[in-house]
Protein backbone atom coordinates (compact mmCIF):
# COMPACT_ATOMS: atom_id res chain seq x y z
CA MET A 1 124.10 90.30 -30.82
CA THR A 2 123.45 88.89 -34.30
CA GLY A 3 121.99 85.40 -34.15
CA ILE A 4 120.82 85.75 -30.54
CA GLU A 5 117.05 85.72 -30.19
CA LYS A 6 115.80 88.82 -28.42
CA PRO A 7 113.28 88.54 -25.57
CA LYS A 8 109.78 89.52 -26.72
CA LEU A 9 108.79 92.95 -25.47
CA LEU A 10 105.09 93.78 -25.40
CA LEU A 11 104.04 97.44 -25.24
CA TYR A 12 100.60 99.02 -25.21
CA ASN A 13 100.33 101.28 -28.25
CA THR A 14 97.84 104.10 -27.75
CA LEU A 15 97.60 104.45 -31.53
CA GLY A 16 96.30 100.91 -31.99
CA LYS A 17 94.64 100.65 -28.53
CA THR A 18 96.30 97.28 -27.93
CA LYS A 19 99.42 95.58 -26.64
CA GLN A 20 101.75 94.57 -29.41
CA GLN A 21 105.20 93.08 -29.80
CA PHE A 22 107.85 95.75 -30.16
CA GLN A 23 109.46 95.67 -33.60
CA PRO A 24 112.31 98.18 -33.86
CA ILE A 25 112.95 100.13 -37.04
CA ASP A 26 116.66 99.43 -36.66
CA PRO A 27 117.69 96.94 -33.92
CA ASN A 28 121.09 98.64 -33.80
CA ARG A 29 119.59 102.03 -32.93
CA ILE A 30 116.43 102.22 -30.84
CA THR A 31 114.89 105.70 -30.71
CA MET A 32 112.64 107.03 -27.94
CA TYR A 33 111.34 110.55 -27.34
CA VAL A 34 109.62 111.56 -24.09
CA CYS A 35 108.00 114.98 -23.72
CA GLY A 36 109.77 116.96 -21.01
CA PRO A 37 108.67 119.93 -18.89
CA THR A 38 107.84 123.52 -19.66
CA VAL A 39 110.25 125.14 -17.23
CA TYR A 40 108.40 127.98 -15.51
CA ASN A 41 108.24 126.54 -11.97
CA ARG A 42 109.19 123.49 -9.88
CA VAL A 43 107.71 120.22 -11.10
CA HIS A 44 105.06 118.25 -9.20
CA ILE A 45 104.90 114.51 -8.65
CA GLY A 46 102.59 114.09 -11.65
CA ASN A 47 105.37 115.47 -13.87
CA ALA A 48 107.76 112.91 -12.36
CA ARG A 49 105.65 109.87 -13.23
CA PRO A 50 106.45 109.73 -16.97
CA VAL A 51 110.13 110.29 -16.22
CA VAL A 52 110.30 107.34 -13.80
CA VAL A 53 108.15 105.09 -16.01
CA PHE A 54 110.04 105.69 -19.22
CA ASP A 55 113.40 105.70 -17.46
CA THR A 56 112.49 102.13 -16.50
CA LEU A 57 111.64 101.37 -20.13
CA TYR A 58 114.96 102.92 -21.17
CA ARG A 59 116.81 100.64 -18.74
CA LEU A 60 114.89 97.63 -20.07
CA LEU A 61 115.60 98.46 -23.70
CA LYS A 62 119.30 98.80 -22.89
CA THR A 63 119.35 95.15 -21.76
CA MET A 64 118.00 94.12 -25.16
CA TYR A 65 119.66 96.38 -27.73
CA PRO A 66 123.22 97.70 -28.22
CA ASN A 67 122.27 101.35 -28.71
CA VAL A 68 119.23 103.11 -27.29
CA VAL A 69 118.95 106.83 -28.06
CA TYR A 70 116.61 108.51 -25.58
CA ALA A 71 115.65 112.18 -25.99
CA ARG A 72 113.69 114.15 -23.40
CA ASN A 73 113.22 117.82 -24.25
CA ILE A 74 113.11 121.06 -22.33
CA THR A 75 110.47 123.58 -23.44
CA ASP A 76 112.14 126.90 -22.65
CA ILE A 77 109.95 129.22 -24.73
CA ASP A 78 106.25 129.32 -23.90
CA ASP A 79 103.61 131.83 -22.82
CA LYS A 80 103.61 130.40 -19.26
CA ILE A 81 107.35 131.05 -19.00
CA MET A 82 106.88 134.57 -20.32
CA THR A 83 104.13 135.27 -17.75
CA ALA A 84 106.20 133.90 -14.86
CA ALA A 85 109.27 135.89 -15.93
CA ALA A 86 107.23 139.09 -16.23
CA GLU A 87 105.83 138.64 -12.73
CA LEU A 88 109.38 138.27 -11.37
CA ASN A 89 110.76 140.99 -13.65
CA GLU A 90 113.53 138.77 -14.99
CA ASP A 91 114.65 137.55 -18.38
CA ILE A 92 112.95 134.33 -19.51
CA SER A 93 116.33 132.71 -20.22
CA VAL A 94 117.35 133.22 -16.59
CA LEU A 95 114.07 131.85 -15.24
CA SER A 96 113.95 128.86 -17.60
CA LYS A 97 117.59 127.98 -16.87
CA ARG A 98 116.94 128.03 -13.12
CA TYR A 99 113.91 125.78 -13.34
CA ALA A 100 115.53 123.43 -15.86
CA GLU A 101 118.39 122.89 -13.42
CA ALA A 102 115.91 122.36 -10.58
CA TYR A 103 114.13 119.78 -12.73
CA PHE A 104 117.37 117.92 -13.39
CA GLU A 105 118.11 117.86 -9.65
CA ASP A 106 114.64 116.56 -8.77
CA MET A 107 114.74 113.84 -11.43
CA ALA A 108 118.23 112.73 -10.37
CA ALA A 109 116.99 112.47 -6.77
CA LEU A 110 114.40 109.97 -8.04
CA GLU A 111 117.25 107.79 -9.36
CA ASN A 112 116.55 108.53 -13.03
CA LEU A 113 119.30 108.08 -15.58
CA GLU A 114 120.14 111.05 -17.77
CA PRO A 115 118.65 110.86 -21.28
CA THR A 116 121.03 110.46 -24.19
CA ILE A 117 119.94 113.85 -25.53
CA THR A 118 118.28 116.83 -23.83
CA PRO A 119 117.23 119.22 -26.62
CA TYR A 120 116.09 122.76 -25.76
CA ALA A 121 113.34 124.33 -27.86
CA THR A 122 115.13 127.66 -28.29
CA GLN A 123 118.10 125.87 -29.89
CA HIS A 124 115.91 124.67 -32.79
CA ILE A 125 114.19 127.82 -34.08
CA PRO A 126 115.61 127.63 -37.66
CA GLU A 127 114.36 124.05 -38.01
CA MET A 128 110.94 125.09 -36.71
CA ILE A 129 110.74 127.84 -39.31
CA ASP A 130 111.74 125.30 -41.97
CA MET A 131 109.00 122.84 -40.99
CA THR A 132 106.40 125.62 -40.89
CA SER A 133 107.43 126.76 -44.39
CA LEU A 134 107.23 123.16 -45.61
CA LEU A 135 103.70 122.73 -44.25
CA ILE A 136 102.59 125.94 -45.98
CA GLU A 137 104.18 124.75 -49.23
CA LYS A 138 102.34 121.41 -49.02
CA GLY A 139 98.99 123.08 -48.39
CA HIS A 140 98.61 122.03 -44.75
CA ALA A 141 99.18 125.46 -43.17
CA TYR A 142 98.33 129.07 -43.86
CA GLU A 143 99.36 132.54 -42.71
CA SER A 144 96.80 134.84 -41.12
CA GLN A 145 97.34 138.14 -39.28
CA GLY A 146 100.96 137.32 -38.45
CA HIS A 147 100.10 133.79 -37.31
CA VAL A 148 100.76 130.56 -39.14
CA LEU A 149 98.18 127.86 -38.45
CA PHE A 150 97.91 124.17 -39.26
CA ALA A 151 94.72 123.41 -41.16
CA VAL A 152 93.46 120.26 -39.46
CA GLN A 153 90.82 119.58 -42.12
CA THR A 154 93.59 118.96 -44.67
CA MET A 155 94.62 115.80 -42.81
CA GLU A 156 92.29 112.90 -43.55
CA ASN A 157 92.92 110.88 -40.38
CA TYR A 158 93.41 113.74 -37.91
CA GLY A 159 92.24 112.48 -34.51
CA GLN A 160 93.35 108.88 -34.95
CA LEU A 161 95.49 108.86 -31.78
CA SER A 162 92.76 110.15 -29.48
CA GLY A 163 90.03 108.33 -31.38
CA ARG A 164 87.83 111.42 -31.69
CA SER A 165 86.28 113.18 -34.65
CA LEU A 166 86.84 116.87 -35.29
CA ASP A 167 83.37 117.66 -33.95
CA ASP A 168 84.05 115.70 -30.75
CA MET A 169 87.37 117.47 -30.28
CA LEU A 170 85.82 120.90 -30.61
CA ALA A 171 83.05 119.98 -28.19
CA GLY A 172 85.30 118.42 -25.55
CA ALA A 173 88.39 120.60 -25.59
CA ARG A 174 89.34 124.16 -24.82
CA VAL A 175 89.74 125.53 -28.33
CA GLU A 176 90.75 129.13 -28.81
CA VAL A 177 88.18 130.84 -30.99
CA ALA A 178 90.00 133.53 -32.95
CA ASP A 179 89.14 135.57 -36.03
CA TYR A 180 92.48 134.71 -37.64
CA LYS A 181 91.50 131.01 -37.86
CA ASN A 182 89.85 129.53 -40.94
CA TYR A 183 88.47 126.73 -38.75
CA ALA A 184 88.10 126.71 -34.97
CA GLY A 185 90.16 123.52 -34.58
CA ASP A 186 93.21 124.85 -36.44
CA PHE A 187 96.25 125.24 -34.19
CA VAL A 188 99.17 127.65 -34.11
CA LEU A 189 102.55 126.79 -35.62
CA TRP A 190 103.96 130.30 -35.33
CA LYS A 191 102.66 133.35 -33.47
CA PRO A 192 103.69 137.03 -33.55
CA SER A 193 105.72 138.58 -30.75
CA SER A 194 105.42 142.17 -29.60
CA ASP A 195 108.51 144.30 -29.07
CA ASP A 196 108.68 143.44 -25.37
CA GLU A 197 108.21 139.68 -25.93
CA PRO A 198 110.85 137.11 -26.91
CA GLY A 199 110.89 136.52 -30.65
CA TRP A 200 112.85 135.50 -33.72
CA ASP A 201 112.81 136.81 -37.28
CA SER A 202 110.83 134.67 -39.72
CA PRO A 203 109.18 134.97 -43.17
CA TRP A 204 105.95 135.87 -41.31
CA GLY A 205 107.49 138.55 -39.12
CA ARG A 206 109.08 138.48 -35.71
CA GLY A 207 107.51 135.76 -33.59
CA ARG A 208 107.88 132.49 -31.74
CA PRO A 209 106.91 128.84 -32.27
CA GLY A 210 103.83 127.02 -31.07
CA TRP A 211 104.30 124.32 -28.41
CA HIS A 212 103.31 121.39 -30.64
CA LEU A 213 105.75 122.38 -33.36
CA GLU A 214 108.69 122.31 -30.96
CA CYS A 215 108.51 118.58 -30.20
CA SER A 216 107.94 117.57 -33.82
CA VAL A 217 111.13 119.36 -34.83
CA MET A 218 113.29 118.20 -31.92
CA SER A 219 112.22 114.58 -32.34
CA GLU A 220 112.98 114.63 -36.07
CA LYS A 221 116.31 116.39 -35.76
CA HIS A 222 117.78 114.09 -33.13
CA LEU A 223 116.02 110.78 -33.76
CA GLY A 224 114.69 110.78 -37.32
CA GLU A 225 111.49 111.33 -39.30
CA THR A 226 109.99 108.10 -37.92
CA ILE A 227 111.02 106.91 -34.46
CA ASP A 228 110.36 103.77 -32.47
CA ILE A 229 108.64 105.14 -29.34
CA HIS A 230 107.09 108.48 -28.43
CA ALA A 231 105.87 108.78 -24.85
CA GLY A 232 104.44 111.09 -22.22
CA GLY A 233 101.54 111.61 -19.85
CA GLN A 234 97.96 110.73 -20.72
CA ASP A 235 97.08 114.42 -20.75
CA LEU A 236 99.29 114.89 -23.82
CA ILE A 237 97.29 112.57 -26.10
CA PHE A 238 95.13 115.50 -27.18
CA PRO A 239 95.97 118.04 -28.31
CA HIS A 240 99.76 117.85 -28.03
CA HIS A 241 100.57 114.43 -29.44
CA GLU A 242 97.69 114.53 -31.90
CA ASN A 243 99.08 117.78 -33.27
CA GLU A 244 102.65 116.51 -33.33
CA ILE A 245 101.47 113.63 -35.52
CA ALA A 246 99.62 116.03 -37.80
CA GLN A 247 102.65 118.27 -38.31
CA SER A 248 105.20 115.51 -38.80
CA CYS A 249 103.08 113.25 -40.98
CA CYS A 250 101.95 116.06 -43.26
CA ALA A 251 105.46 117.49 -43.54
CA HIS A 252 106.72 114.08 -44.68
CA ASP A 253 103.91 112.97 -47.00
CA GLY A 254 102.14 110.68 -44.56
CA LYS A 255 105.19 109.01 -43.04
CA ALA A 256 104.50 107.96 -39.42
CA MET A 257 106.09 110.10 -36.73
CA ALA A 258 106.39 107.17 -34.30
CA ASN A 259 105.47 103.50 -34.47
CA VAL A 260 104.56 103.18 -30.78
CA TRP A 261 102.80 105.83 -28.68
CA MET A 262 102.84 105.25 -24.91
CA HIS A 263 101.07 107.20 -22.18
CA ASN A 264 101.06 106.94 -18.39
CA GLY A 265 97.99 107.60 -16.25
CA PHE A 266 97.28 110.53 -13.95
CA ILE A 267 98.34 110.86 -10.32
CA ASN A 268 95.79 111.87 -7.70
CA PHE A 269 96.60 112.95 -4.16
CA ASP A 270 94.45 111.72 -1.30
CA GLY A 271 91.77 110.66 -3.78
CA GLU A 272 91.54 113.96 -5.65
CA LYS A 273 93.04 114.86 -9.00
CA MET A 274 95.92 117.27 -8.49
CA SER A 275 94.97 120.72 -9.70
CA LYS A 276 95.95 124.32 -9.10
CA SER A 277 92.36 125.25 -8.30
CA LEU A 278 92.24 122.71 -5.48
CA GLY A 279 95.68 123.72 -4.27
CA ASN A 280 96.68 120.08 -3.83
CA PHE A 281 99.77 119.98 -6.04
CA ARG A 282 102.67 118.13 -4.42
CA LEU A 283 106.00 119.39 -5.64
CA VAL A 284 108.75 116.81 -5.93
CA LYS A 285 111.04 119.16 -4.01
CA ASP A 286 108.61 119.33 -1.08
CA LEU A 287 108.10 115.56 -0.98
CA LEU A 288 111.88 115.07 -1.03
CA GLY A 289 112.00 117.08 2.19
CA HIS A 290 110.17 114.22 3.90
CA TYR A 291 110.99 111.11 1.88
CA PRO A 292 114.07 109.76 0.07
CA GLY A 293 113.76 109.91 -3.71
CA GLU A 294 113.79 106.13 -3.88
CA VAL A 295 110.57 106.03 -1.85
CA LEU A 296 108.84 108.29 -4.39
CA ARG A 297 110.18 106.12 -7.21
CA PHE A 298 108.99 102.95 -5.46
CA VAL A 299 105.48 104.36 -5.08
CA ILE A 300 105.32 105.34 -8.77
CA LEU A 301 106.45 101.86 -9.83
CA SER A 302 104.09 100.12 -7.40
CA ALA A 303 101.16 100.80 -9.75
CA HIS A 304 100.98 99.87 -13.42
CA TYR A 305 101.98 102.89 -15.46
CA ARG A 306 98.73 103.02 -17.47
CA SER A 307 96.53 103.06 -14.37
CA GLU A 308 95.42 106.10 -12.43
CA GLN A 309 97.46 106.32 -9.24
CA ASN A 310 96.56 107.76 -5.86
CA PHE A 311 99.35 109.23 -3.77
CA SER A 312 98.84 109.55 -0.02
CA LYS A 313 100.93 109.74 3.13
CA ASP A 314 99.93 106.19 4.04
CA LEU A 315 101.12 104.91 0.66
CA LEU A 316 104.42 106.78 0.95
CA ASP A 317 105.00 105.47 4.48
CA SER A 318 104.14 101.94 3.35
CA ALA A 319 106.61 102.20 0.47
CA TRP A 320 109.30 103.34 2.88
CA ARG A 321 108.67 100.30 5.08
CA SER A 322 108.82 98.03 2.03
CA LEU A 323 112.20 99.45 1.06
CA ASP A 324 113.36 99.12 4.68
CA SER A 325 112.42 95.44 4.48
CA LEU A 326 114.33 94.88 1.24
CA TYR A 327 117.39 96.76 2.43
CA GLY A 328 117.14 94.87 5.71
CA TYR A 329 117.54 91.57 3.88
CA LEU A 330 120.69 92.92 2.23
CA ARG A 331 122.14 94.28 5.45
CA GLY A 332 125.24 92.57 6.77
CA MET A 333 125.72 90.41 3.66
CA GLU A 334 128.84 90.32 1.54
CA SER A 335 128.66 92.52 -1.53
CA SER A 336 128.05 90.90 -4.88
CA ILE A 337 127.86 92.00 -8.50
CA PRO A 338 124.27 92.48 -9.77
CA SER A 339 123.24 89.82 -12.29
CA LEU A 340 120.09 90.06 -14.39
CA ASN A 341 118.12 86.83 -14.68
CA GLN A 342 116.37 87.32 -18.02
CA THR A 343 114.35 84.13 -17.56
CA GLY A 344 113.14 85.16 -14.11
CA GLU A 345 109.57 86.20 -13.41
CA GLY A 346 110.55 89.78 -12.59
CA TYR A 347 112.26 90.41 -15.92
CA GLN A 348 109.44 88.67 -17.79
CA ALA A 349 106.93 90.91 -15.99
CA LEU A 350 108.74 94.01 -17.23
CA LEU A 351 108.70 92.64 -20.77
CA ASP A 352 104.91 92.47 -20.49
CA ASP A 353 104.16 96.18 -20.92
CA LEU A 354 106.25 97.22 -17.91
CA ASN A 355 104.38 95.30 -15.23
CA THR A 356 106.36 96.91 -12.42
CA PRO A 357 103.96 95.86 -9.61
CA MET A 358 104.61 92.20 -10.43
CA ALA A 359 108.35 92.85 -10.70
CA ILE A 360 108.30 94.47 -7.22
CA SER A 361 106.50 91.41 -5.84
CA GLU A 362 109.31 89.32 -7.31
CA LEU A 363 111.85 91.47 -5.45
CA HIS A 364 110.20 90.55 -2.16
CA ARG A 365 110.04 86.87 -3.11
CA ILE A 366 113.73 86.74 -4.02
CA ALA A 367 114.71 88.65 -0.86
CA LYS A 368 112.84 86.25 1.42
CA LYS A 369 114.31 83.23 -0.34
CA MET A 370 117.77 84.77 -0.10
CA HIS A 371 117.34 85.33 3.64
CA SER A 372 116.81 81.62 4.30
CA ALA A 373 119.54 80.46 1.87
CA GLN A 374 123.23 80.06 2.56
CA GLY A 375 126.59 80.15 0.79
CA ILE A 376 126.68 80.28 -3.00
CA GLU A 377 122.89 80.07 -3.31
CA GLN A 378 122.49 83.11 -1.10
CA GLN A 379 125.06 85.10 -3.09
CA THR A 380 123.43 84.08 -6.37
CA LEU A 381 120.03 85.25 -5.12
CA ARG A 382 121.55 88.50 -3.86
CA SER A 383 123.02 89.17 -7.30
CA GLU A 384 119.66 88.40 -8.92
CA LEU A 385 117.84 90.66 -6.48
CA LEU A 386 120.18 93.57 -7.19
CA GLY A 387 120.03 92.94 -10.94
CA LEU A 388 116.24 93.11 -11.06
CA ALA A 389 116.09 96.05 -8.64
CA GLY A 390 118.67 97.96 -10.66
CA LEU A 391 116.53 97.54 -13.75
CA MET A 392 113.87 99.54 -11.91
CA GLY A 393 116.30 102.02 -10.32
CA LEU A 394 115.77 100.54 -6.84
CA LEU A 395 118.12 99.32 -4.07
CA GLN A 396 120.89 101.49 -5.41
CA GLN A 397 122.30 102.47 -2.01
CA ASP A 398 124.50 100.78 0.55
CA PRO A 399 122.14 99.24 3.13
CA GLU A 400 123.88 100.91 6.08
CA SER A 401 123.67 104.29 4.35
CA TRP A 402 119.98 103.70 3.70
CA PHE A 403 119.18 103.08 7.36
CA THR A 404 121.16 106.05 8.63
CA HIS A 405 119.66 108.46 6.12
CA ALA A 406 118.14 111.53 7.79
CA ARG A 407 114.40 111.32 7.17
CA GLY A 408 113.18 114.87 6.91
CA SER A 409 114.24 118.15 8.41
CA ASP A 410 112.21 117.64 11.60
CA ASP A 411 113.47 114.12 12.28
CA ILE A 412 116.28 113.07 14.55
CA THR A 413 119.69 113.29 12.92
CA LYS A 414 122.26 110.53 12.55
CA GLU A 415 124.56 112.33 15.03
CA GLU A 416 121.77 112.53 17.65
CA VAL A 417 121.03 108.83 17.28
CA GLU A 418 124.66 107.81 17.68
CA ASP A 419 125.05 110.10 20.69
CA MET A 420 122.04 108.47 22.38
CA ILE A 421 123.35 104.99 21.54
CA ALA A 422 126.65 105.90 23.24
CA LYS A 423 124.76 107.13 26.32
CA ARG A 424 122.72 103.93 26.37
CA GLN A 425 125.89 101.88 26.19
CA GLN A 426 127.33 103.81 29.13
CA SER A 427 124.13 103.22 31.09
CA LYS A 428 124.50 99.48 30.53
CA ILE A 429 128.14 99.62 31.66
CA ASP A 430 126.97 101.45 34.78
CA LYS A 431 124.28 98.73 35.22
CA ASP A 432 121.60 101.41 34.85
CA TYR A 433 119.39 99.12 32.79
CA ALA A 434 116.28 101.18 33.37
CA GLY A 435 118.07 104.22 31.94
CA ALA A 436 119.22 102.17 28.93
CA ASP A 437 115.63 101.03 28.34
CA GLU A 438 114.42 104.62 28.54
CA ILE A 439 116.87 105.63 25.84
CA ARG A 440 115.79 102.74 23.61
CA GLN A 441 112.15 103.76 24.05
CA ALA A 442 112.93 107.43 23.43
CA LEU A 443 114.58 106.50 20.15
CA LEU A 444 111.68 104.23 19.23
CA ASP A 445 109.28 107.10 19.89
CA ARG A 446 111.23 109.12 17.37
CA GLY A 447 111.13 106.37 14.75
CA VAL A 448 114.49 104.71 15.42
CA VAL A 449 114.75 100.97 16.06
CA LEU A 450 117.87 99.59 17.80
CA GLU A 451 119.15 96.09 17.03
CA ASP A 452 121.68 94.56 19.43
CA SER A 453 124.05 91.76 18.43
CA ARG A 454 127.45 90.39 19.44
CA GLU A 455 129.07 92.86 17.09
CA GLY A 456 127.36 95.83 18.79
CA THR A 457 124.28 97.97 18.24
CA THR A 458 122.96 98.98 14.82
CA TRP A 459 119.93 101.11 14.11
CA ARG A 460 117.35 101.77 11.48
CA ARG A 461 114.39 104.01 11.00
CA SER A 462 110.99 102.40 11.50
């Protein structure tokens, strides 16, 4: 790739509050860390948004650079996990393993690629103890009543990511007020564990790491002291990412933890922010019972990643129809190898801070143009359509498979549809045209559209 000019990638950096051209530390090894889940239950659609967004960025980076190392962690030691395990009377390792596997299944169903590295917090305890000891040695942390805390006032520019002063942070955040803290804003690096709680031996007694410490250590171990991109949901800006920066920078004498910080917006459902108190969480697993994963992915990508997004049944149904339209254009055409047009408007839109809504519009434009074209031009457009769609993890299925996919447990099955089509065909042979029309209408009432041609009858879901 030496000597070939790279396309210009613009990314919004939360740290600088502006879009800027991406300048890799090492163009032969791009590093990206995305905060993964705390595995104590099934994940909701809000947890899926950063995965889909930054999976798309991962795909884009892979078209530009020879080696992209993408780490997405699993937090498998946390107070929430301990509480959930206690309620179920099972070991936390059993519970966290079950929900980590469920997470992998849900994310695969949304057409996400696997990260290069999936580090687990519990596999990095020695390194966490080492970083904690280093922060104490450098005067940025202190031990108190079995806890080790980071002293935020020792960091001159603490709060730079969120753009808030210490006073603002204390006023606007849930800060644990504890007598073992020298300052209310100090946060835990290491906490003591009782005999019946999970714990590891350390210089400060048996205990376990704080959440913020885990990601600092895993990012450094697998990607380096300074990485290219660190990403996650908007809710992680403060305190999680702010505290990661504090730990990593102070452990390494001011060296930046990441050059680019990216954050996706929240997801609401039916106009309300998803919350446990409102009981309006939508688990990915539950949504997958009614919609193909590609529909959920399409909805997520239909809004710009930094914007707040509103999920609703109408939006999901509309996304399904949009995918039906795109797959419909591909139906019956000869297969072709996907080809990415890097000068096309869709690719250029993705280079502009992942403008996926514009790239999706380009999918529709290419599909319509392809439909009216013929011969080589049509095949070229088909390849371009699949190349751009693949970059977003869309149109990955065979069109016929897409249209015969069972759409929810209460919907008519593929076998039922084909049985009714056979009965309709027999009615036509028997010249019972009224009966054939009744079967067509019955299928239509159940969301199945029949399309007759010289080659026979095909069907799709409406």
